[in-house]
Structure formats: structure tokens, C-alpha cells
Protein backbone atom coordinates (compact mmCIF):
# COMPACT_ATOMS: atom_id res chain seq x y z
CA MET A 1 5.53 24.70 -1.66
CA SER A 2 4.15 25.64 -5.05
CA GLU A 3 4.95 29.10 -6.36
CA PHE A 4 1.23 29.35 -7.06
CA ALA A 5 0.12 28.73 -3.49
CA PRO A 6 -3.23 30.49 -3.14
CA VAL A 7 -4.01 33.60 -1.17
CA ILE A 8 -6.71 33.33 1.51
CA LEU A 9 -9.13 36.27 1.46
CA LEU A 10 -11.56 36.97 4.29
CA HIS A 11 -14.43 39.26 3.33
CA ARG A 12 -15.52 41.51 6.20
CA PRO A 13 -14.36 39.18 9.00
CA GLN A 14 -15.88 40.10 12.33
CA LEU A 15 -13.90 38.45 15.12
CA GLY A 16 -10.19 38.83 15.62
CA GLU A 17 -10.19 35.36 17.16
CA ASN A 18 -11.36 33.88 13.86
CA ILE A 19 -8.69 35.76 11.93
CA GLY A 20 -6.05 34.36 14.24
CA SER A 21 -7.45 30.86 13.91
CA CYS A 22 -7.43 31.15 10.13
CA ALA A 23 -3.76 32.17 10.16
CA ARG A 24 -2.97 29.23 12.41
CA VAL A 25 -4.60 26.62 10.17
CA MET A 26 -3.14 28.22 7.05
CA LEU A 27 0.42 27.89 8.28
CA ASN A 28 -0.21 24.29 9.31
CA PHE A 29 -0.67 23.49 5.63
CA GLY A 30 1.94 25.82 4.19
CA LEU A 31 -0.14 28.85 3.20
CA THR A 32 1.16 32.24 4.27
CA GLU A 33 -0.73 35.02 2.45
CA LEU A 34 -3.81 36.34 4.21
CA ARG A 35 -5.83 39.27 2.96
CA LEU A 36 -8.54 40.97 4.99
CA ILE A 37 -11.27 42.88 3.20
CA ALA A 38 -12.79 45.60 5.40
CA PRO A 39 -12.39 43.76 8.73
CA ARG A 40 -15.10 44.94 11.12
CA ASP A 41 -12.75 45.73 14.01
CA GLY A 42 -9.83 46.91 11.89
CA TRP A 43 -6.30 45.57 11.85
CA PRO A 44 -4.12 44.86 13.77
CA ASN A 45 -6.51 43.18 16.16
CA PRO A 46 -5.16 42.09 19.57
CA ALA A 47 -7.77 39.34 19.80
CA ALA A 48 -6.23 37.54 16.84
CA GLU A 49 -2.85 36.88 18.39
CA PRO A 50 -3.72 34.26 21.05
CA LEU A 51 -5.67 32.08 18.60
CA SER A 52 -2.95 32.35 15.95
CA ALA A 53 -0.54 30.33 18.12
CA GLY A 54 2.30 32.46 16.78
CA ALA A 55 1.42 32.03 13.09
CA PHE A 56 1.89 35.73 12.31
CA GLU A 57 5.41 35.76 13.72
CA ALA A 58 6.14 32.42 12.02
CA GLY A 59 5.33 33.55 8.50
CA VAL A 60 1.70 34.46 7.83
CA SER A 61 1.53 37.94 6.34
CA VAL A 62 -1.59 40.11 6.47
CA GLU A 63 -2.70 42.78 4.03
CA VAL A 64 -5.84 44.87 4.44
CA TYR A 65 -8.09 46.05 1.59
CA GLU A 66 -11.24 48.10 1.53
CA THR A 67 -12.98 46.28 -1.33
CA VAL A 68 -13.08 42.87 -2.96
CA GLU A 69 -12.06 44.47 -6.25
CA SER A 70 -8.83 45.87 -4.82
CA ALA A 71 -8.06 42.66 -2.93
CA ILE A 72 -8.24 40.48 -6.03
CA ALA A 73 -6.79 42.93 -8.56
CA ASP A 74 -3.46 41.08 -8.95
CA LEU A 75 -5.02 37.60 -9.01
CA ALA A 76 -5.82 35.66 -12.16
CA THR A 77 -8.30 33.24 -10.60
CA VAL A 78 -10.69 33.51 -7.65
CA LEU A 79 -12.68 30.75 -5.98
CA ALA A 80 -15.61 31.79 -3.82
CA ALA A 81 -16.40 29.51 -0.88
CA THR A 82 -20.13 29.30 -0.29
CA ALA A 83 -22.69 26.78 0.91
CA ARG A 84 -25.58 28.41 -0.93
CA PRO A 85 -26.49 28.03 -4.60
CA ARG A 86 -26.37 31.42 -6.30
CA GLY A 87 -28.00 30.71 -9.65
CA MET A 88 -24.83 31.79 -11.43
CA GLU A 89 -23.25 30.01 -14.38
CA LYS A 90 -19.94 29.06 -12.81
CA PRO A 91 -17.97 25.82 -12.37
CA VAL A 92 -18.54 24.29 -8.94
CA VAL A 93 -15.78 22.36 -7.18
CA ASN A 94 -15.12 20.90 -3.77
CA ALA A 95 -11.96 21.62 -1.76
CA ALA A 96 -9.88 18.95 -3.51
CA GLY A 97 -11.21 20.05 -6.88
CA GLY A 98 -10.32 23.62 -6.05
CA ALA A 99 -6.74 22.67 -5.20
CA LYS A 100 -6.51 20.67 -8.42
CA ALA A 101 -7.86 23.54 -10.51
CA ILE A 102 -5.28 25.91 -9.05
CA LYS A 103 -2.46 23.58 -10.01
CA GLN A 104 -3.83 23.00 -13.48
CA ARG A 105 -4.14 26.69 -14.19
CA GLY A 106 -0.77 27.60 -12.71
CA LEU A 107 -1.89 31.15 -12.00
CA ARG A 108 -2.11 33.41 -8.97
CA THR A 109 -5.28 32.41 -7.17
CA GLY A 110 -7.31 33.59 -4.23
CA ILE A 111 -9.83 31.67 -2.11
CA LEU A 112 -12.54 34.03 -0.94
CA PHE A 113 -14.44 33.37 2.30
CA GLY A 114 -17.36 35.34 3.68
CA ALA A 115 -18.11 36.91 7.04
CA GLU A 116 -19.17 34.86 10.04
CA ASN A 117 -22.74 36.12 10.16
CA HIS A 118 -23.92 35.79 6.56
CA GLY A 119 -21.14 34.49 4.29
CA LEU A 120 -20.32 36.07 0.97
CA PRO A 121 -22.64 38.58 -0.69
CA SER A 122 -23.71 37.73 -4.22
CA GLU A 123 -21.77 40.65 -5.68
CA ALA A 124 -18.54 39.17 -4.28
CA VAL A 125 -19.38 35.72 -5.63
CA GLY A 126 -20.07 37.33 -8.98
CA LEU A 127 -16.40 38.31 -9.25
CA ALA A 128 -15.23 34.73 -8.75
CA ASP A 129 -14.27 32.32 -11.52
CA MET A 130 -15.48 29.25 -9.60
CA ILE A 131 -17.64 28.37 -6.66
CA MET A 132 -16.14 26.10 -4.04
CA THR A 133 -18.50 24.20 -1.80
CA TYR A 134 -18.17 21.41 0.76
CA PRO A 135 -20.25 18.23 1.21
CA VAL A 136 -21.83 19.50 4.42
CA ASN A 137 -25.05 18.32 6.01
CA PRO A 138 -27.81 20.12 4.04
CA GLU A 139 -29.77 20.45 7.27
CA PHE A 140 -26.87 22.14 9.06
CA ALA A 141 -24.44 23.93 6.75
CA SER A 142 -22.83 26.11 9.39
CA LEU A 143 -19.04 25.97 9.52
CA ASN A 144 -17.03 28.37 11.64
CA LEU A 145 -14.90 30.66 9.46
CA ALA A 146 -11.61 29.08 10.50
CA GLN A 147 -13.10 25.61 10.04
CA ALA A 148 -14.11 26.50 6.49
CA VAL A 149 -10.64 27.84 5.75
CA GLY A 150 -9.13 24.73 7.31
CA VAL A 151 -11.02 22.34 5.05
CA PHE A 152 -9.54 23.96 1.98
CA CYS A 153 -6.05 24.30 3.48
CA ALA A 154 -5.96 20.60 4.30
CA SER A 155 -6.89 19.75 0.72
CA TRP A 156 -4.21 22.09 -0.56
CA GLY A 157 -1.62 20.46 1.69
CA ALA A 158 -2.61 17.03 0.39
CA SER A 159 -2.33 18.25 -3.21
CA GLU A 160 1.21 19.36 -2.42
CA GLY A 161 2.08 15.83 -1.37
CA ALA A 162 2.09 16.58 2.35
CA VAL A 163 1.32 13.61 4.59
CA GLY A 164 0.57 13.15 8.26
CA ARG A 165 3.65 13.35 10.46
CA TRP A 166 3.45 9.63 11.20
CA GLU A 167 1.41 8.49 8.21
CA GLY A 168 2.35 4.98 7.17
CA GLU A 169 4.15 4.34 10.44
CA LYS A 170 3.11 2.56 13.59
CA THR A 171 2.94 4.42 16.86
CA GLY A 172 5.04 3.20 19.75
CA VAL A 173 8.73 2.45 19.99
CA GLU A 174 8.97 -1.24 20.84
CA PRO A 175 10.00 -3.50 17.94
CA PRO A 176 8.21 -6.74 17.04
CA ALA A 177 8.85 -9.70 19.33
CA PRO A 178 11.46 -12.27 18.23
CA LYS A 179 9.92 -15.30 16.55
CA GLU A 180 11.29 -17.45 19.36
CA ASP A 181 9.06 -15.61 21.85
CA LEU A 182 6.06 -15.98 19.57
CA ILE A 183 6.63 -19.71 19.12
CA ARG A 184 6.87 -20.22 22.87
CA MET A 185 3.61 -18.32 23.26
CA PHE A 186 1.98 -20.52 20.62
CA GLU A 187 3.17 -23.67 22.38
CA HIS A 188 1.97 -22.37 25.73
CA LEU A 189 -1.46 -21.56 24.34
CA GLU A 190 -1.77 -24.83 22.43
CA GLU A 191 -0.81 -26.83 25.49
CA GLU A 192 -3.58 -25.26 27.53
CA LEU A 193 -6.08 -25.62 24.69
CA GLU A 194 -5.26 -29.34 24.47
CA ARG A 195 -5.85 -29.71 28.21
CA ALA A 196 -9.19 -27.97 27.78
CA GLY A 197 -10.19 -30.34 24.96
CA TYR A 198 -10.36 -27.59 22.39
CA PHE A 199 -8.74 -29.47 19.50
CA TYR A 200 -11.45 -31.76 18.14
CA PRO A 201 -11.61 -33.83 16.08
CA PRO A 202 -7.96 -34.91 16.37
CA ASP A 203 -7.33 -35.01 12.62
CA LYS A 204 -8.17 -31.29 12.41
CA THR A 205 -5.65 -30.34 15.10
CA PRO A 206 -2.75 -29.36 12.78
CA LEU A 207 -4.98 -27.09 10.70
CA MET A 208 -6.53 -25.50 13.76
CA LYS A 209 -3.10 -24.75 15.22
CA THR A 210 -1.94 -23.24 11.94
CA ASN A 211 -4.98 -20.97 11.76
CA ILE A 212 -4.46 -19.77 15.32
CA ARG A 213 -0.78 -19.10 14.75
CA ASN A 214 -1.45 -17.27 11.51
CA ALA A 215 -3.93 -14.95 13.21
CA PHE A 216 -1.43 -14.09 15.93
CA VAL A 217 1.43 -13.53 13.48
CA ARG A 218 -0.63 -10.92 11.63
CA GLY A 219 -0.84 -8.95 14.86
CA ASP A 220 2.88 -8.11 14.71
CA TRP A 221 3.15 -8.53 18.47
CA THR A 222 5.77 -6.80 20.58
CA ALA A 223 7.75 -8.62 23.28
CA GLN A 224 5.70 -6.88 25.96
CA GLU A 225 2.44 -7.99 24.36
CA VAL A 226 3.71 -11.56 24.22
CA ARG A 227 4.60 -11.46 27.93
CA THR A 228 1.21 -10.00 28.78
CA PHE A 229 -0.67 -12.63 26.81
CA ARG A 230 1.33 -15.47 28.30
CA GLY A 231 0.44 -14.12 31.72
CA ALA A 232 -3.24 -14.17 30.70
CA ILE A 233 -2.93 -17.80 29.52
CA LYS A 234 -1.34 -18.75 32.83
CA ALA A 235 -4.06 -16.99 34.81
CA LEU A 236 -6.80 -18.75 32.87
CA ALA A 237 -5.09 -22.11 33.38
CA LEU A 238 -4.79 -21.52 37.12
CA GLY A 239 -8.41 -20.45 37.28
CA ARG A 240 -9.49 -23.61 35.50
CA GLY A 241 -7.52 -25.66 38.02
CA LYS A 242 -9.21 -23.94 40.92
CA ALA A 243 -12.62 -24.57 39.39
CA ARG A 244 -11.73 -28.26 39.03
CA VAL A 245 -10.74 -28.45 42.69
CA ASN A 246 -13.96 -26.76 43.73
CA ARG A 247 -16.03 -29.25 41.73
CA GLU A 248 -14.20 -32.15 43.40
CA ASP A 249 -14.94 -30.67 46.79
């Protein structure tokens, strides 16, 4: 992680559950410094522990301050997260832009979030260097505190080059089917399609078969999928035979 990983500051947080949830999402994306500014119910708060999922024991540190000024005193840059325009002359960034700005400046930075009931007061925003806002629904700009923290933390993690645990991989453990199995499936399907009169006109048959095979190859089928599909072909063929017998009756 970057030596300039930002500090998360919560201004007058109300619920211990939200503090715990913030710590949990922070650690998911590699952030470990949490500062509480005048938490309503004090600190430590027993209600925070269950929602933290062990984040405090796993590395998230908590410091408590009485004022915004004291909480940001050692920081060079502060971003204030708010959904409301404040009429202040400040740069405005989104979460990704905030992460980028932190890296470009290379300075100790704090991300300031407001209380659950009314967000940040204007005097707190006034101390910030930038405003950070999210592209929320203008008719319903109401994120939970931990959700708001999580949006930024995810952007920070991405800026650090973090990827999803299985990003770029395929789920499942079975390897692709051998080409021999695929070819037998193609031949099985084509045989039944010929019996059904699908290939018409005859001179188009080679191209039609090639197109069908190409579509299946792109699917990167597993051996189990090949077996399942061949079973479906067989069932359809048997069903067609039964229908023919019924018509003859």
C-alpha cells in the first residue's frame, strides 16, 4: 500500500454500528487509519465491534478528536465528502478523482465524512481543500455512512492496482472439453439436424455447419457440458421419433 494512504475521518458519527462498518470496509481495501471527531456515544463503543467483523483487531486503528481542526492538524490535504453544493470555490472530484489527486500530491491526506443525520456542516467543508461527491440519484442522495466510505475505499483500492480476487479468471474448476469430445458433439448434432431437414439448400450445408461449430467453440465448453448437451440432442431425437410414430397411428 502507498505510504500516503489516506486517513478516514468521521465527523460526529452517531451509531457505533456505522463506525464498525466503516472500519470493516476500510480494511477490505487496505486503509487502516480511522479518526473519530466527537463521536456522539463516545469511544470505545461496544456496538461497533460486531459490524467491524474483526477489523479493529486486524489492523484498523482509531483515534478520537474533539474538533475538526485538531483531527486534521497533521494532514496536508483534506477532501470533504458531501452531496450538497456549498457555494465555495473549491475543486470538485468524484471518488476516483479523489484517489488520483491524493497520489498526484503525494501528501498526507484525510477524507472527511459527515454525521448520519445531516452530513458535514459548512464550517467543516470550509477547511477542506477539495469537495468529493458521488454521481448519486439527484432525487435520492442518501447513502449510509459506511456506504459512502465504501465508495471511496473501493476507488482507492483500484488506484492501488488491487483487483477482484478472481478478476480475469473463470469460475469453476473443470477444464475445457477435449476437442475430440466437441467434434463428436458436432457430428451428433449435425446428424440429427440432417434428419430434421435443417440443412437447406444443400450447397449451403458446409457453411451452415461451420457457423454452428464456430458458435459452440466460442463457448469454451467443459466435458460435463458436452455430455449434457449430447443428452439433450438424444432426448430431442427420441421425442421426434415418438411424434412420428403417433402421426402414423
